[in-house]
Structures are given as structure tokens and as C-alpha cells.
């Protein structure tokens, strides 16, 4: 369970960072970055899931 939590944290960080960086880059350049911004909430969900699983895996 701990290993899946760590993987979920890394996946959540990746989704959030990619969504923000690419979304802002497209919004500044072309004005169509809305699709990439939708990755950010999913990233936060995976982050929350990963932190919860790693804390439960310690017990």
C-alpha cells in the first residue's frame, strides 16, 4: 500500500505541474489552454490519495 501511495504522489505532482505549465504556456501564446488546466484537479486528487495511502501503510 505504501508503494502505491508513493506512485500516486508522483503521478499527482506530475499531473499538476504539467497541467499548470502547459496550460499557462498555451493560454499566454494561443489562448486555448483550458483542456490542460483540467489535469490540475486530478493531480490534487492523486496527491491526496497518495498521502492517505502512505500514512495508512505505515501502521
Protein backbone atom coordinates (compact mmCIF):
# COMPACT_ATOMS: atom_id res chain seq x y z
CA UNK A 1 0.00 0.00 0.00
CA UNK A 2 2.90 2.32 0.76
CA UNK A 3 4.42 1.78 -2.67
CA UNK A 4 1.13 2.59 -4.43
CA UNK A 5 0.88 5.74 -2.30
CA UNK A 6 4.32 6.92 -3.39
CA UNK A 7 3.46 6.23 -7.04
CA UNK A 8 0.20 8.13 -6.62
CA UNK A 9 2.01 11.12 -5.13
CA UNK A 10 4.46 11.23 -8.03
CA UNK A 11 1.65 10.89 -10.55
CA UNK A 12 -0.32 13.66 -8.83
CA UNK A 13 2.65 16.00 -8.81
CA UNK A 14 3.33 15.29 -12.45
CA UNK A 15 -0.27 15.91 -13.49
CA UNK A 16 -0.48 19.15 -11.53
CA UNK A 17 2.81 20.56 -12.78
CA UNK A 18 2.25 19.58 -16.41
CA UNK A 19 -1.30 20.93 -16.34
CA UNK A 20 -0.22 24.27 -14.93
CA UNK A 21 2.88 24.77 -17.06
CA UNK A 22 1.39 23.71 -20.39
CA UNK A 23 -1.95 25.37 -19.64
CA UNK A 24 -0.38 28.73 -18.88
CA UNK A 25 2.01 28.44 -21.81
CA UNK A 26 -0.85 27.82 -24.21
CA UNK A 27 -3.06 30.46 -22.59
CA UNK A 28 -0.37 33.09 -22.98
CA UNK A 29 0.59 32.09 -26.50
CA UNK A 30 -2.53 30.84 -28.24
CA UNK A 31 -5.42 31.30 -25.80
CA UNK A 32 -6.54 27.65 -25.70
CA UNK A 33 -5.14 26.13 -22.53
CA UNK A 34 -8.39 25.15 -20.82
CA UNK A 35 -8.04 21.44 -21.54
CA UNK A 36 -4.67 21.28 -19.83
CA UNK A 37 -5.95 23.07 -16.72
CA UNK A 38 -8.38 20.20 -16.13
CA UNK A 39 -5.40 18.00 -15.19
CA UNK A 40 -4.74 20.06 -12.06
CA UNK A 41 -7.76 18.86 -10.01
CA UNK A 42 -6.99 15.27 -10.93
CA UNK A 43 -3.42 15.84 -9.77
CA UNK A 44 -4.66 17.08 -6.40
CA UNK A 45 -6.90 14.03 -6.06
CA UNK A 46 -3.96 11.72 -6.70
CA UNK A 47 -1.84 13.71 -4.24
CA UNK A 48 -4.47 13.37 -1.52
CA UNK A 49 -4.89 9.67 -2.25
CA UNK A 50 -1.14 9.11 -2.16
CA UNK A 51 -0.63 10.93 1.14
CA UNK A 52 -3.50 8.98 2.69
CA UNK A 53 -2.19 5.63 1.47
CA UNK A 54 1.34 6.29 2.64
CA UNK A 55 0.08 7.25 6.11
CA UNK A 56 -2.11 4.16 6.29
CA UNK A 57 0.73 1.99 5.03
CA UNK A 58 2.94 2.96 7.99
CA UNK A 59 0.69 1.25 10.53
